Amino acid sequence: MPMSLVPIASAGKAFGLKTRAIEALILLAGLIMDTNFWTRGRTLESLGLAGLSPGEIRRIAETGA
């Protein structure tokens, strides 16, 4: 959850996309696990990708640089 859906929701928010279903899953899982996945999960900020364009993030994912 924190390593997969939180980054997807974070990226969606950064690029103006609605990720309501993903956000609902994160919330429900957090309630079940009594964990705040929003604070534990990886975000664009924590990954050092904040402010980059989708193309720049893709390049980094594909090449590592």
Foldseek 3Di string as FASTA:
>chain_A
DQEPLLQVCQVCVLVVHDDPVSVVVQVVVCVVVVHNSNVVHDYCVNVVNPPPDPVVVVCCVVPVD
